[in-house]
Amino acid sequence: GGGENIADVLEVGLRPEDFYRDAHKEIFTAIAELYNRDDSIDSLTL
């Protein structure tokens, strides 16, 4: 989705520590950092 839907996800209250798998925690953290930097989100930027 290119980060267009991450605002809805954050509104739910999702946090990195809610993920079971450590790799997933790390990937979500990186996505959130891109979002906070107002960068595009895709496989390359991630």
PDB file of all heavy atoms in Angstrom:
ATOM      1  N   GLY A   1       0.792  -1.229   0.000  1.00  0.00           N
ATOM      2  CA  GLY A   1       0.000   0.000   0.000  1.00  0.00           C
ATOM      3  C   GLY A   1       0.814   1.263   0.000  1.00  0.00           C
ATOM      4  O   GLY A   1       0.255   2.368   0.013  1.00  0.00           O
ATOM      5  N   GLY A   2       2.129   1.145   0.022  1.00  0.00           N
ATOM      6  CA  GLY A   2       2.984   2.325  -0.037  1.00  0.00           C
ATOM      7  C   GLY A   2       2.873   3.237   1.171  1.00  0.00           C
ATOM      8  O   GLY A   2       3.197   4.417   1.098  1.00  0.00           O
ATOM      9  N   GLY A   3       2.399   2.704   2.293  1.00  0.00           N
ATOM     10  CA  GLY A   3       2.296   3.502   3.509  1.00  0.00           C
ATOM     11  C   GLY A   3       1.050   4.346   3.577  1.00  0.00           C
ATOM     12  O   GLY A   3       0.828   5.046   4.577  1.00  0.00           O
ATOM     13  N   GLU A   4       0.185   4.305   2.555  1.00  0.00           N
ATOM     14  CA  GLU A   4      -1.024   5.117   2.562  1.00  0.00           C
ATOM     15  C   GLU A   4      -1.998   4.695   3.662  1.00  0.00           C
ATOM     16  O   GLU A   4      -2.837   5.481   4.093  1.00  0.00           O
ATOM     17  CB  GLU A   4      -1.720   5.033   1.196  1.00  0.00           C
ATOM     18  CG  GLU A   4      -0.948   5.679   0.069  1.00  0.00           C
ATOM     19  CD  GLU A   4      -0.814   7.190   0.253  1.00  0.00           C
ATOM     20  OE1 GLU A   4      -1.756   7.793   0.793  1.00  0.00           O
ATOM     21  OE2 GLU A   4       0.226   7.738  -0.129  1.00  0.00           O
ATOM     22  N   ASN A   5      -1.887   3.464   4.108  1.00  0.00           N
ATOM     23  CA  ASN A   5      -2.810   2.942   5.121  1.00  0.00           C
ATOM     24  C   ASN A   5      -2.190   2.830   6.507  1.00  0.00           C
ATOM     25  O   ASN A   5      -2.826   2.321   7.423  1.00  0.00           O
ATOM     26  CB  ASN A   5      -3.346   1.568   4.693  1.00  0.00           C
ATOM     27  CG  ASN A   5      -2.226   0.639   4.231  1.00  0.00           C
ATOM     28  OD1 ASN A   5      -1.048   0.986   4.326  1.00  0.00           O
ATOM     29  ND2 ASN A   5      -2.591  -0.524   3.713  1.00  0.00           N
ATOM     30  N   ILE A   6      -0.971   3.304   6.681  1.00  0.00           N
ATOM     31  CA  ILE A   6      -0.317   3.118   7.979  1.00  0.00           C
ATOM     32  C   ILE A   6      -0.952   3.999   9.061  1.00  0.00           C
ATOM     33  O   ILE A   6      -0.953   3.643  10.245  1.00  0.00           O
ATOM     34  CB  ILE A   6       1.204   3.379   7.887  1.00  0.00           C
ATOM     35  CG1 ILE A   6       1.885   2.912   9.186  1.00  0.00           C
ATOM     36  CG2 ILE A   6       1.485   4.848   7.629  1.00  0.00           C
ATOM     37  CD1 ILE A   6       3.385   2.926   9.126  1.00  0.00           C
ATOM     38  N   ALA A   7      -1.528   5.138   8.663  1.00  0.00           N
ATOM     39  CA  ALA A   7      -2.176   5.996   9.665  1.00  0.00           C
ATOM     40  C   ALA A   7      -3.330   5.255  10.329  1.00  0.00           C
ATOM     41  O   ALA A   7      -3.527   5.352  11.547  1.00  0.00           O
ATOM     42  CB  ALA A   7      -2.668   7.283   9.012  1.00  0.00           C
ATOM     43  N   ASP A   8      -4.099   4.495   9.531  1.00  0.00           N
ATOM     44  CA  ASP A   8      -5.196   3.710  10.103  1.00  0.00           C
ATOM     45  C   ASP A   8      -4.674   2.652  11.056  1.00  0.00           C
ATOM     46  O   ASP A   8      -5.286   2.369  12.090  1.00  0.00           O
ATOM     47  CB  ASP A   8      -5.999   3.036   8.984  1.00  0.00           C
ATOM     48  CG  ASP A   8      -6.677   4.037   8.073  1.00  0.00           C
ATOM     49  OD1 ASP A   8      -6.953   5.159   8.547  1.00  0.00           O
ATOM     50  OD2 ASP A   8      -6.918   3.710   6.901  1.00  0.00           O
ATOM     51  N   VAL A   9      -3.530   2.076  10.714  1.00  0.00           N
ATOM     52  CA  VAL A   9      -2.933   1.034  11.556  1.00  0.00           C
ATOM     53  C   VAL A   9      -2.453   1.617  12.882  1.00  0.00           C
ATOM     54  O   VAL A   9      -2.666   1.047  13.960  1.00  0.00           O
ATOM     55  CB  VAL A   9      -1.773   0.355  10.807  1.00  0.00           C
ATOM     56  CG1 VAL A   9      -0.955  -0.521  11.745  1.00  0.00           C
ATOM     57  CG2 VAL A   9      -2.320  -0.482   9.648  1.00  0.00           C
ATOM     58  N   LEU A  10      -1.805   2.755  12.814  1.00  0.00           N
ATOM     59  CA  LEU A  10      -1.317   3.393  14.033  1.00  0.00           C
ATOM     60  C   LEU A  10      -2.468   3.847  14.919  1.00  0.00           C
ATOM     61  O   LEU A  10      -2.355   3.853  16.144  1.00  0.00           O
ATOM     62  CB  LEU A  10      -0.419   4.584  13.683  1.00  0.00           C
ATOM     63  CG  LEU A  10       0.890   4.242  12.953  1.00  0.00           C
ATOM     64  CD1 LEU A  10       1.611   5.515  12.543  1.00  0.00           C
ATOM     65  CD2 LEU A  10       1.787   3.372  13.819  1.00  0.00           C
ATOM     66  N   GLU A  11      -3.579   4.231  14.308  1.00  0.00           N
ATOM     67  CA  GLU A  11      -4.745   4.664  15.074  1.00  0.00           C
ATOM     68  C   GLU A  11      -5.289   3.523  15.928  1.00  0.00           C
ATOM     69  O   GLU A  11      -5.847   3.753  17.008  1.00  0.00           O
ATOM     70  CB  GLU A  11      -5.822   5.179  14.117  1.00  0.00           C
ATOM     71  CG  GLU A  11      -7.093   5.658  14.785  1.00  0.00           C
ATOM     72  CD  GLU A  11      -6.892   6.906  15.627  1.00  0.00           C
ATOM     73  OE1 GLU A  11      -5.856   7.586  15.465  1.00  0.00           O
ATOM     74  OE2 GLU A  11      -7.766   7.209  16.450  1.00  0.00           O
ATOM     75  N   VAL A  12      -5.140   2.295  15.465  1.00  0.00           N
ATOM     76  CA  VAL A  12      -5.584   1.127  16.230  1.00  0.00           C
ATOM     77  C   VAL A  12      -4.774   0.976  17.515  1.00  0.00           C
ATOM     78  O   VAL A  12      -5.226   0.379  18.491  1.00  0.00           O
ATOM     79  CB  VAL A  12      -5.483  -0.143  15.356  1.00  0.00           C
ATOM     80  CG1 VAL A  12      -5.726  -1.405  16.163  1.00  0.00           C
ATOM     81  CG2 VAL A  12      -6.479  -0.062  14.208  1.00  0.00           C
ATOM     82  N   GLY A  13      -3.568   1.564  17.532  1.00  0.00           N
ATOM     83  CA  GLY A  13      -2.708   1.451  18.704  1.00  0.00           C
ATOM     84  C   GLY A  13      -1.622   0.416  18.559  1.00  0.00           C
ATOM     85  O   GLY A  13      -0.996   0.015  19.550  1.00  0.00           O
ATOM     86  N   LEU A  14      -1.374  -0.034  17.326  1.00  0.00           N
ATOM     87  CA  LEU A  14      -0.346  -1.054  17.090  1.00  0.00           C
ATOM     88  C   LEU A  14       1.039  -0.497  17.385  1.00  0.00           C
ATOM     89  O   LEU A  14       1.386   0.612  16.979  1.00  0.00           O
ATOM     90  CB  LEU A  14      -0.434  -1.532  15.639  1.00  0.00           C
ATOM     91  CG  LEU A  14       0.541  -2.628  15.221  1.00  0.00           C
ATOM     92  CD1 LEU A  14       0.219  -3.928  15.943  1.00  0.00           C
ATOM     93  CD2 LEU A  14       0.520  -2.825  13.709  1.00  0.00           C
ATOM     94  N   ARG A  15       1.843  -1.301  18.070  1.00  0.00           N
ATOM     95  CA  ARG A  15       3.220  -0.936  18.396  1.00  0.00           C
ATOM     96  C   ARG A  15       4.146  -2.077  17.993  1.00  0.00           C
ATOM     97  O   ARG A  15       3.701  -3.228  17.871  1.00  0.00           O
ATOM     98  CB  ARG A  15       3.366  -0.672  19.893  1.00  0.00           C
ATOM     99  CG  ARG A  15       2.436   0.398  20.444  1.00  0.00           C
ATOM    100  CD  ARG A  15       2.403   0.350  21.950  1.00  0.00           C
ATOM    101  NE  ARG A  15       1.995  -0.982  22.407  1.00  0.00           N
ATOM    102  CZ  ARG A  15       2.070  -1.387  23.670  1.00  0.00           C
ATOM    103  NH1 ARG A  15       2.539  -0.580  24.598  1.00  0.00           N
ATOM    104  NH2 ARG A  15       1.676  -2.596  24.007  1.00  0.00           N
ATOM    105  N   PRO A  16       5.428  -1.809  17.791  1.00  0.00           N
ATOM    106  CA  PRO A  16       6.344  -2.894  17.392  1.00  0.00           C
ATOM    107  C   PRO A  16       6.320  -4.086  18.351  1.00  0.00           C
ATOM    108  O   PRO A  16       6.387  -5.244  17.918  1.00  0.00           O
ATOM    109  CB  PRO A  16       7.720  -2.202  17.392  1.00  0.00           C
ATOM    110  CG  PRO A  16       7.409  -0.767  17.108  1.00  0.00           C
ATOM    111  CD  PRO A  16       6.102  -0.498  17.796  1.00  0.00           C
ATOM    112  N   GLU A  17       6.203  -3.833  19.649  1.00  0.00           N
ATOM    113  CA  GLU A  17       6.237  -4.931  20.617  1.00  0.00           C
ATOM    114  C   GLU A  17       5.001  -5.819  20.562  1.00  0.00           C
ATOM    115  O   GLU A  17       4.959  -6.875  21.207  1.00  0.00           O
ATOM    116  CB  GLU A  17       6.435  -4.402  22.037  1.00  0.00           C
ATOM    117  CG  GLU A  17       5.445  -3.345  22.455  1.00  0.00           C
ATOM    118  CD  GLU A  17       5.956  -1.941  22.252  1.00  0.00           C
ATOM    119  OE1 GLU A  17       6.655  -1.701  21.245  1.00  0.00           O
ATOM    120  OE2 GLU A  17       5.646  -1.082  23.085  1.00  0.00           O
ATOM    121  N   ASP A  18       3.984  -5.416  19.794  1.00  0.00           N
ATOM    122  CA  ASP A  18       2.803  -6.268  19.651  1.00  0.00           C
ATOM    123  C   ASP A  18       3.042  -7.426  18.694  1.00  0.00           C
ATOM    124  O   ASP A  18       2.252  -8.374  18.663  1.00  0.00           O
ATOM    125  CB  ASP A  18       1.613  -5.444  19.151  1.00  0.00           C
ATOM    126  CG  ASP A  18       1.093  -4.469  20.192  1.00  0.00           C
ATOM    127  OD1 ASP A  18       1.174  -4.797  21.395  1.00  0.00           O
ATOM    128  OD2 ASP A  18       0.626  -3.385  19.817  1.00  0.00           O
ATOM    129  N   PHE A  19       4.110  -7.373  17.903  1.00  0.00           N
ATOM    130  CA  PHE A  19       4.398  -8.458  16.967  1.00  0.00           C
ATOM    131  C   PHE A  19       5.066  -9.624  17.693  1.00  0.00           C
ATOM    132  O   PHE A  19       5.915  -9.439  18.578  1.00  0.00           O
ATOM    133  CB  PHE A  19       5.307  -7.971  15.837  1.00  0.00           C
ATOM    134  CG  PHE A  19       4.607  -7.071  14.851  1.00  0.00           C
ATOM    135  CD1 PHE A  19       4.501  -5.706  15.085  1.00  0.00           C
ATOM    136  CD2 PHE A  19       4.045  -7.591  13.701  1.00  0.00           C
ATOM    137  CE1 PHE A  19       3.851  -4.877  14.184  1.00  0.00           C
ATOM    138  CE2 PHE A  19       3.384  -6.780  12.798  1.00  0.00           C
ATOM    139  CZ  PHE A  19       3.293  -5.417  13.034  1.00  0.00           C
ATOM    140  N   TYR A  20       4.677 -10.822  17.298  1.00  0.00           N
ATOM    141  CA  TYR A  20       5.235 -12.020  17.932  1.00  0.00           C
ATOM    142  C   TYR A  20       6.662 -12.286  17.479  1.00  0.00           C
ATOM    143  O   TYR A  20       7.523 -12.661  18.263  1.00  0.00           O
ATOM    144  CB  TYR A  20       4.348 -13.221  17.614  1.00  0.00           C
ATOM    145  CG  TYR A  20       4.888 -14.526  18.158  1.00  0.00           C
ATOM    146  CD1 TYR A  20       4.852 -14.789  19.527  1.00  0.00           C
ATOM    147  CD2 TYR A  20       5.440 -15.475  17.309  1.00  0.00           C
ATOM    148  CE1 TYR A  20       5.344 -15.967  20.035  1.00  0.00           C
ATOM    149  CE2 TYR A  20       5.945 -16.666  17.816  1.00  0.00           C
ATOM    150  CZ  TYR A  20       5.891 -16.907  19.176  1.00  0.00           C
ATOM    151  OH  TYR A  20       6.390 -18.081  19.668  1.00  0.00           O
ATOM    152  N   ARG A  21       6.906 -12.091  16.196  1.00  0.00           N
ATOM    153  CA  ARG A  21       8.207 -12.425  15.629  1.00  0.00           C
ATOM    154  C   ARG A  21       9.123 -11.210  15.654  1.00  0.00           C
ATOM    155  O   ARG A  21       8.746 -10.104  15.274  1.00  0.00           O
ATOM    156  CB  ARG A  21       8.014 -12.902  14.192  1.00  0.00           C
ATOM    157  CG  ARG A  21       9.231 -13.528  13.572  1.00  0.00           C
ATOM    158  CD  ARG A  21       8.871 -14.084  12.207  1.00  0.00           C
ATOM    159  NE  ARG A  21       9.907 -14.950  11.711  1.00  0.00           N
ATOM    160  CZ  ARG A  21       9.811 -15.651  10.583  1.00  0.00           C
ATOM    161  NH1 ARG A  21       8.694 -15.573   9.876  1.00  0.00           N
ATOM    162  NH2 ARG A  21      10.795 -16.419  10.175  1.00  0.00           N
ATOM    163  N   ASP A  22      10.365 -11.422  16.097  1.00  0.00           N
ATOM    164  CA  ASP A  22      11.310 -10.314  16.208  1.00  0.00           C
ATOM    165  C   ASP A  22      11.560  -9.652  14.856  1.00  0.00           C
ATOM    166  O   ASP A  22      11.708  -8.426  14.764  1.00  0.00           O
ATOM    167  CB  ASP A  22      12.623 -10.800  16.799  1.00  0.00           C
ATOM    168  CG  ASP A  22      12.530 -11.014  18.301  1.00  0.00           C
ATOM    169  OD1 ASP A  22      11.542 -10.565  18.913  1.00  0.00           O
ATOM    170  OD2 ASP A  22      13.446 -11.639  18.859  1.00  0.00           O
ATOM    171  N   ALA A  23      11.623 -10.454  13.779  1.00  0.00           N
ATOM    172  CA  ALA A  23      11.844  -9.885  12.453  1.00  0.00           C
ATOM    173  C   ALA A  23      10.693  -8.961  12.067  1.00  0.00           C
ATOM    174  O   ALA A  23      10.903  -7.907  11.459  1.00  0.00           O
ATOM    175  CB  ALA A  23      11.992 -11.000  11.421  1.00  0.00           C
ATOM    176  N   HIS A  24       9.484  -9.348  12.436  1.00  0.00           N
ATOM    177  CA  HIS A  24       8.325  -8.526  12.119  1.00  0.00           C
ATOM    178  C   HIS A  24       8.326  -7.238  12.933  1.00  0.00           C
ATOM    179  O   HIS A  24       7.901  -6.183  12.437  1.00  0.00           O
ATOM    180  CB  HIS A  24       7.042  -9.319  12.374  1.00  0.00           C
ATOM    181  CG  HIS A  24       6.888 -10.490  11.437  1.00  0.00           C
ATOM    182  ND1 HIS A  24       5.954 -11.478  11.637  1.00  0.00           N
ATOM    183  CD2 HIS A  24       7.566 -10.822  10.295  1.00  0.00           C
ATOM    184  CE1 HIS A  24       6.047 -12.368  10.665  1.00  0.00           C
ATOM    185  NE2 HIS A  24       7.022 -11.989   9.846  1.00  0.00           N
ATOM    186  N   LYS A  25       8.793  -7.314  14.148  1.00  0.00           N
ATOM    187  CA  LYS A  25       8.925  -6.098  14.958  1.00  0.00           C
ATOM    188  C   LYS A  25       9.875  -5.112  14.276  1.00  0.00           C
ATOM    189  O   LYS A  25       9.595  -3.905  14.193  1.00  0.00           O
ATOM    190  CB  LYS A  25       9.467  -6.423  16.350  1.00  0.00           C
ATOM    191  CG  LYS A  25       8.575  -7.300  17.206  1.00  0.00           C
ATOM    192  CD  LYS A  25       9.258  -7.590  18.528  1.00  0.00           C
ATOM    193  CE  LYS A  25       8.442  -8.568  19.358  1.00  0.00           C
ATOM    194  NZ  LYS A  25       9.088  -8.909  20.640  1.00  0.00           N
ATOM    195  N   GLU A  26      10.983  -5.647  13.799  1.00  0.00           N
ATOM    196  CA  GLU A  26      11.989  -4.804  13.169  1.00  0.00           C
ATOM    197  C   GLU A  26      11.467  -4.198  11.870  1.00  0.00           C
ATOM    198  O   GLU A  26      11.689  -3.015  11.587  1.00  0.00           O
ATOM    199  CB  GLU A  26      13.250  -5.631  12.903  1.00  0.00           C
ATOM    200  CG  GLU A  26      14.378  -4.876  12.228  1.00  0.00           C
ATOM    201  CD  GLU A  26      14.871  -3.699  13.035  1.00  0.00           C
ATOM    202  OE1 GLU A  26      14.836  -3.767  14.280  1.00  0.00           O
ATOM    203  OE2 GLU A  26      15.289  -2.696  12.416  1.00  0.00           O
ATOM    204  N   ILE A  27      10.768  -4.978  11.080  1.00  0.00           N
ATOM    205  CA  ILE A  27      10.246  -4.475   9.807  1.00  0.00           C
ATOM    206  C   ILE A  27       9.195  -3.394  10.052  1.00  0.00           C
ATOM    207  O   ILE A  27       9.190  -2.347   9.386  1.00  0.00           O
ATOM    208  CB  ILE A  27       9.653  -5.642   8.978  1.00  0.00           C
ATOM    209  CG1 ILE A  27      10.783  -6.580   8.536  1.00  0.00           C
ATOM    210  CG2 ILE A  27       8.888  -5.122   7.772  1.00  0.00           C
ATOM    211  CD1 ILE A  27      10.294  -7.881   7.928  1.00  0.00           C
ATOM    212  N   PHE A  28       8.319  -3.619  11.008  1.00  0.00           N
ATOM    213  CA  PHE A  28       7.304  -2.604  11.305  1.00  0.00           C
ATOM    214  C   PHE A  28       7.951  -1.336  11.833  1.00  0.00           C
ATOM    215  O   PHE A  28       7.517  -0.214  11.506  1.00  0.00           O
ATOM    216  CB  PHE A  28       6.294  -3.139  12.314  1.00  0.00           C
ATOM    217  CG  PHE A  28       5.214  -2.143  12.661  1.00  0.00           C
ATOM    218  CD1 PHE A  28       4.196  -1.864  11.758  1.00  0.00           C
ATOM    219  CD2 PHE A  28       5.224  -1.462  13.869  1.00  0.00           C
ATOM    220  CE1 PHE A  28       3.203  -0.938  12.056  1.00  0.00           C
ATOM    221  CE2 PHE A  28       4.246  -0.538  14.178  1.00  0.00           C
ATOM    222  CZ  PHE A  28       3.228  -0.277  13.266  1.00  0.00           C
ATOM    223  N   THR A  29       8.975  -1.462  12.662  1.00  0.00           N
ATOM    224  CA  THR A  29       9.686  -0.287  13.167  1.00  0.00           C
ATOM    225  C   THR A  29      10.267   0.520  12.022  1.00  0.00           C
ATOM    226  O   THR A  29      10.190   1.758  11.993  1.00  0.00           O
ATOM    227  CB  THR A  29      10.793  -0.705  14.140  1.00  0.00           C
ATOM    228  OG1 THR A  29      10.223  -1.396  15.253  1.00  0.00           O
ATOM    229  CG2 THR A  29      11.558   0.505  14.650  1.00  0.00           C
ATOM    230  N   ALA A  30      10.870  -0.173  11.036  1.00  0.00           N
ATOM    231  CA  ALA A  30      11.456   0.514   9.882  1.00  0.00           C
ATOM    232  C   ALA A  30      10.372   1.212   9.057  1.00  0.00           C
ATOM    233  O   ALA A  30      10.561   2.334   8.578  1.00  0.00           O
ATOM    234  CB  ALA A  30      12.227  -0.483   9.020  1.00  0.00           C
ATOM    235  N   ILE A  31       9.217   0.552   8.899  1.00  0.00           N
ATOM    236  CA  ILE A  31       8.107   1.172   8.175  1.00  0.00           C
ATOM    237  C   ILE A  31       7.643   2.440   8.888  1.00  0.00           C
ATOM    238  O   ILE A  31       7.398   3.483   8.268  1.00  0.00           O
ATOM    239  CB  ILE A  31       6.941   0.167   8.029  1.00  0.00           C
ATOM    240  CG1 ILE A  31       7.331  -0.966   7.075  1.00  0.00           C
ATOM    241  CG2 ILE A  31       5.685   0.860   7.532  1.00  0.00           C
ATOM    242  CD1 ILE A  31       6.304  -2.076   6.991  1.00  0.00           C
ATOM    243  N   ALA A  32       7.517   2.358  10.211  1.00  0.00           N
ATOM    244  CA  ALA A  32       7.080   3.514  10.984  1.00  0.00           C
ATOM    245  C   ALA A  32       8.082   4.659  10.886  1.00  0.00           C
ATOM    246  O   ALA A  32       7.703   5.838  10.819  1.00  0.00           O
ATOM    247  CB  ALA A  32       6.878   3.110  12.444  1.00  0.00           C
ATOM    248  N   GLU A  33       9.375   4.329  10.869  1.00  0.00           N
ATOM    249  CA  GLU A  33      10.387   5.379  10.739  1.00  0.00           C
ATOM    250  C   GLU A  33      10.291   6.066   9.378  1.00  0.00           C
ATOM    251  O   GLU A  33      10.422   7.298   9.281  1.00  0.00           O
ATOM    252  CB  GLU A  33      11.778   4.777  10.933  1.00  0.00           C
ATOM    253  CG  GLU A  33      12.074   4.384  12.371  1.00  0.00           C
ATOM    254  CD  GLU A  33      13.469   3.815  12.538  1.00  0.00           C
ATOM    255  OE1 GLU A  33      14.152   3.607  11.502  1.00  0.00           O
ATOM    256  OE2 GLU A  33      13.880   3.566  13.686  1.00  0.00           O
ATOM    257  N   LEU A  34      10.060   5.292   8.320  1.00  0.00           N
ATOM    258  CA  LEU A  34       9.880   5.894   6.999  1.00  0.00           C
ATOM    259  C   LEU A  34       8.659   6.804   6.988  1.00  0.00           C
ATOM    260  O   LEU A  34       8.683   7.897   6.404  1.00  0.00           O
ATOM    261  CB  LEU A  34       9.731   4.790   5.946  1.00  0.00           C
ATOM    262  CG  LEU A  34      10.988   3.981   5.620  1.00  0.00           C
ATOM    263  CD1 LEU A  34      10.628   2.799   4.720  1.00  0.00           C
ATOM    264  CD2 LEU A  34      12.044   4.853   4.951  1.00  0.00           C
ATOM    265  N   TYR A  35       7.615   6.362   7.633  1.00  0.00           N
ATOM    266  CA  TYR A  35       6.382   7.164   7.690  1.00  0.00           C
ATOM    267  C   TYR A  35       6.629   8.475   8.439  1.00  0.00           C
ATOM    268  O   TYR A  35       6.193   9.548   8.008  1.00  0.00           O
ATOM    269  CB  TYR A  35       5.286   6.350   8.364  1.00  0.00           C
ATOM    270  CG  TYR A  35       3.993   7.111   8.571  1.00  0.00           C
ATOM    271  CD1 TYR A  35       3.132   7.368   7.511  1.00  0.00           C
ATOM    272  CD2 TYR A  35       3.635   7.579   9.839  1.00  0.00           C
ATOM    273  CE1 TYR A  35       1.948   8.066   7.693  1.00  0.00           C
ATOM    274  CE2 TYR A  35       2.449   8.279  10.036  1.00  0.00           C
ATOM    275  CZ  TYR A  35       1.620   8.527   8.952  1.00  0.00           C
ATOM    276  OH  TYR A  35       0.453   9.218   9.140  1.00  0.00           O
ATOM    277  N   ASN A  36       7.328   8.399   9.566  1.00  0.00           N
ATOM    278  CA  ASN A  36       7.610   9.599  10.353  1.00  0.00           C
ATOM    279  C   ASN A  36       8.515  10.577   9.603  1.00  0.00           C
ATOM    280  O   ASN A  36       8.451  11.793   9.832  1.00  0.00           O
ATOM    281  CB  ASN A  36       8.255   9.217  11.684  1.00  0.00           C
ATOM    282  CG  ASN A  36       7.279   8.544  12.625  1.00  0.00           C
ATOM    283  OD1 ASN A  36       6.077   8.772  12.549  1.00  0.00           O
ATOM    284  ND2 ASN A  36       7.788   7.701  13.512  1.00  0.00           N
ATOM    285  N   ARG A  37       9.369  10.037   8.721  1.00  0.00           N
ATOM    286  CA  ARG A  37      10.254  10.885   7.920  1.00  0.00           C
ATOM    287  C   ARG A  37       9.558  11.412   6.667  1.00  0.00           C
ATOM    288  O   ARG A  37      10.155  12.146   5.884  1.00  0.00           O
ATOM    289  CB  ARG A  37      11.499  10.089   7.497  1.00  0.00           C
ATOM    290  CG  ARG A  37      12.436   9.749   8.648  1.00  0.00           C
ATOM    291  CD  ARG A  37      13.462   8.713   8.193  1.00  0.00           C
ATOM    292  NE  ARG A  37      14.464   8.470   9.204  1.00  0.00           N
ATOM    293  CZ  ARG A  37      15.651   9.082   9.250  1.00  0.00           C
ATOM    294  NH1 ARG A  37      15.961   9.970   8.318  1.00  0.00           N
ATOM    295  NH2 ARG A  37      16.513   8.812  10.200  1.00  0.00           N
ATOM    296  N   ASP A  38       8.321  10.999   6.472  1.00  0.00           N
ATOM    297  CA  ASP A  38       7.552  11.379   5.287  1.00  0.00           C
ATOM    298  C   ASP A  38       8.198  10.860   4.011  1.00  0.00           C
ATOM    299  O   ASP A  38       8.104  11.488   2.942  1.00  0.00           O
ATOM    300  CB  ASP A  38       7.384  12.906   5.216  1.00  0.00           C
ATOM    301  CG  ASP A  38       6.179  13.316   4.371  1.00  0.00           C
ATOM    302  OD1 ASP A  38       5.262  12.486   4.223  1.00  0.00           O
ATOM    303  OD2 ASP A  38       6.172  14.441   3.854  1.00  0.00           O
ATOM    304  N   ASP A  39       8.865   9.693   4.124  1.00  0.00           N
ATOM    305  CA  ASP A  39       9.456   9.041   2.958  1.00  0.00           C
ATOM    306  C   ASP A  39       8.450   8.075   2.348  1.00  0.00           C
ATOM    307  O   ASP A  39       7.522   7.611   3.018  1.00  0.00           O
ATOM    308  CB  ASP A  39      10.718   8.254   3.359  1.00  0.00           C
ATOM    309  CG  ASP A  39      11.862   9.170   3.742  1.00  0.00           C
ATOM    310  OD1 ASP A  39      11.834  10.346   3.335  1.00  0.00           O
ATOM    311  OD2 ASP A  39      12.773   8.712   4.460  1.00  0.00           O
ATOM    312  N   SER A  40       8.635   7.754   1.087  1.00  0.00           N
ATOM    313  CA  SER A  40       7.795   6.743   0.455  1.00  0.00           C
ATOM    314  C   SER A  40       8.113   5.382   1.057  1.00  0.00           C
ATOM    315  O   SER A  40       9.221   5.133   1.544  1.00  0.00           O
ATOM    316  CB  SER A  40       8.033   6.729  -1.055  1.00  0.00           C
ATOM    317  OG  SER A  40       9.399   6.422  -1.324  1.00  0.00           O
ATOM    318  N   ILE A  41       7.124   4.505   1.020  1.00  0.00           N
ATOM    319  CA  ILE A  41       7.291   3.168   1.593  1.00  0.00           C
ATOM    320  C   ILE A  41       7.077   2.137   0.503  1.00  0.00           C
ATOM    321  O   ILE A  41       5.984   2.010  -0.062  1.00  0.00           O
ATOM    322  CB  ILE A  41       6.296   2.935   2.745  1.00  0.00           C
ATOM    323  CG1 ILE A  41       6.538   3.942   3.877  1.00  0.00           C
ATOM    324  CG2 ILE A  41       6.415   1.500   3.285  1.00  0.00           C
ATOM    325  CD1 ILE A  41       5.525   3.865   4.992  1.00  0.00           C
ATOM    326  N   ASP A  42       8.150   1.428   0.168  1.00  0.00           N
ATOM    327  CA  ASP A  42       8.096   0.316  -0.771  1.00  0.00           C
ATOM    328  C   ASP A  42       9.245  -0.615  -0.448  1.00  0.00           C
ATOM    329  O   ASP A  42       9.995  -0.388   0.515  1.00  0.00           O
ATOM    330  CB  ASP A  42       8.154   0.812  -2.228  1.00  0.00           C
ATOM    331  CG  ASP A  42       9.345   1.725  -2.487  1.00  0.00           C
ATOM    332  OD1 ASP A  42      10.462   1.401  -2.023  1.00  0.00           O
ATOM    333  OD2 ASP A  42       9.171   2.778  -3.128  1.00  0.00           O
ATOM    334  N   SER A  43       9.386  -1.657  -1.210  1.00  0.00           N
ATOM    335  CA  SER A  43      10.416  -2.652  -0.896  1.00  0.00           C
ATOM    336  C   SER A  43      11.811  -2.060  -0.966  1.00  0.00           C
ATOM    337  O   SER A  43      12.704  -2.450  -0.189  1.00  0.00           O
ATOM    338  CB  SER A  43      10.300  -3.844  -1.856  1.00  0.00           C
ATOM    339  OG  SER A  43      10.414  -3.410  -3.202  1.00  0.00           O
ATOM    340  N   LEU A  44      12.048  -1.101  -1.874  1.00  0.00           N
ATOM    341  CA  LEU A  44      13.383  -0.519  -2.008  1.00  0.00           C
ATOM    342  C   LEU A  44      13.714   0.385  -0.823  1.00  0.00           C
ATOM    343  O   LEU A  44      14.797   0.275  -0.221  1.00  0.00           O
ATOM    344  CB  LEU A  44      13.483   0.268  -3.317  1.00  0.00           C
ATOM    345  CG  LEU A  44      13.439  -0.568  -4.606  1.00  0.00           C
ATOM    346  CD1 LEU A  44      13.489   0.342  -5.831  1.00  0.00           C
ATOM    347  CD2 LEU A  44      14.606  -1.551  -4.635  1.00  0.00           C
ATOM    348  N   THR A  45      12.807   1.324  -0.496  1.00  0.00           N
ATOM    349  CA  THR A  45      13.081   2.234   0.619  1.00  0.00           C
ATOM    350  C   THR A  45      13.124   1.473   1.942  1.00  0.00           C
ATOM    351  O   THR A  45      13.914   1.807   2.830  1.00  0.00           O
ATOM    352  CB  THR A  45      12.014   3.325   0.698  1.00  0.00           C
ATOM    353  OG1 THR A  45      10.709   2.718   0.815  1.00  0.00           O
ATOM    354  CG2 THR A  45      12.043   4.209  -0.537  1.00  0.00           C
ATOM    355  N   LEU A  46      12.293   0.438   2.056  1.00  0.00           N
ATOM    356  CA  LEU A  46      12.300  -0.360   3.281  1.00  0.00           C
ATOM    357  C   LEU A  46      13.611  -1.130   3.406  1.00  0.00           C
ATOM    358  O   LEU A  46      14.196  -1.214   4.497  1.00  0.00           O
ATOM    359  CB  LEU A  46      11.110  -1.316   3.287  1.00  0.00           C
ATOM    360  CG  LEU A  46      10.964  -2.213   4.506  1.00  0.00           C
ATOM    361  CD1 LEU A  46      10.863  -1.393   5.782  1.00  0.00           C
ATOM    362  CD2 LEU A  46       9.732  -3.112   4.374  1.00  0.00           C
TER     363      LEU A  46
END
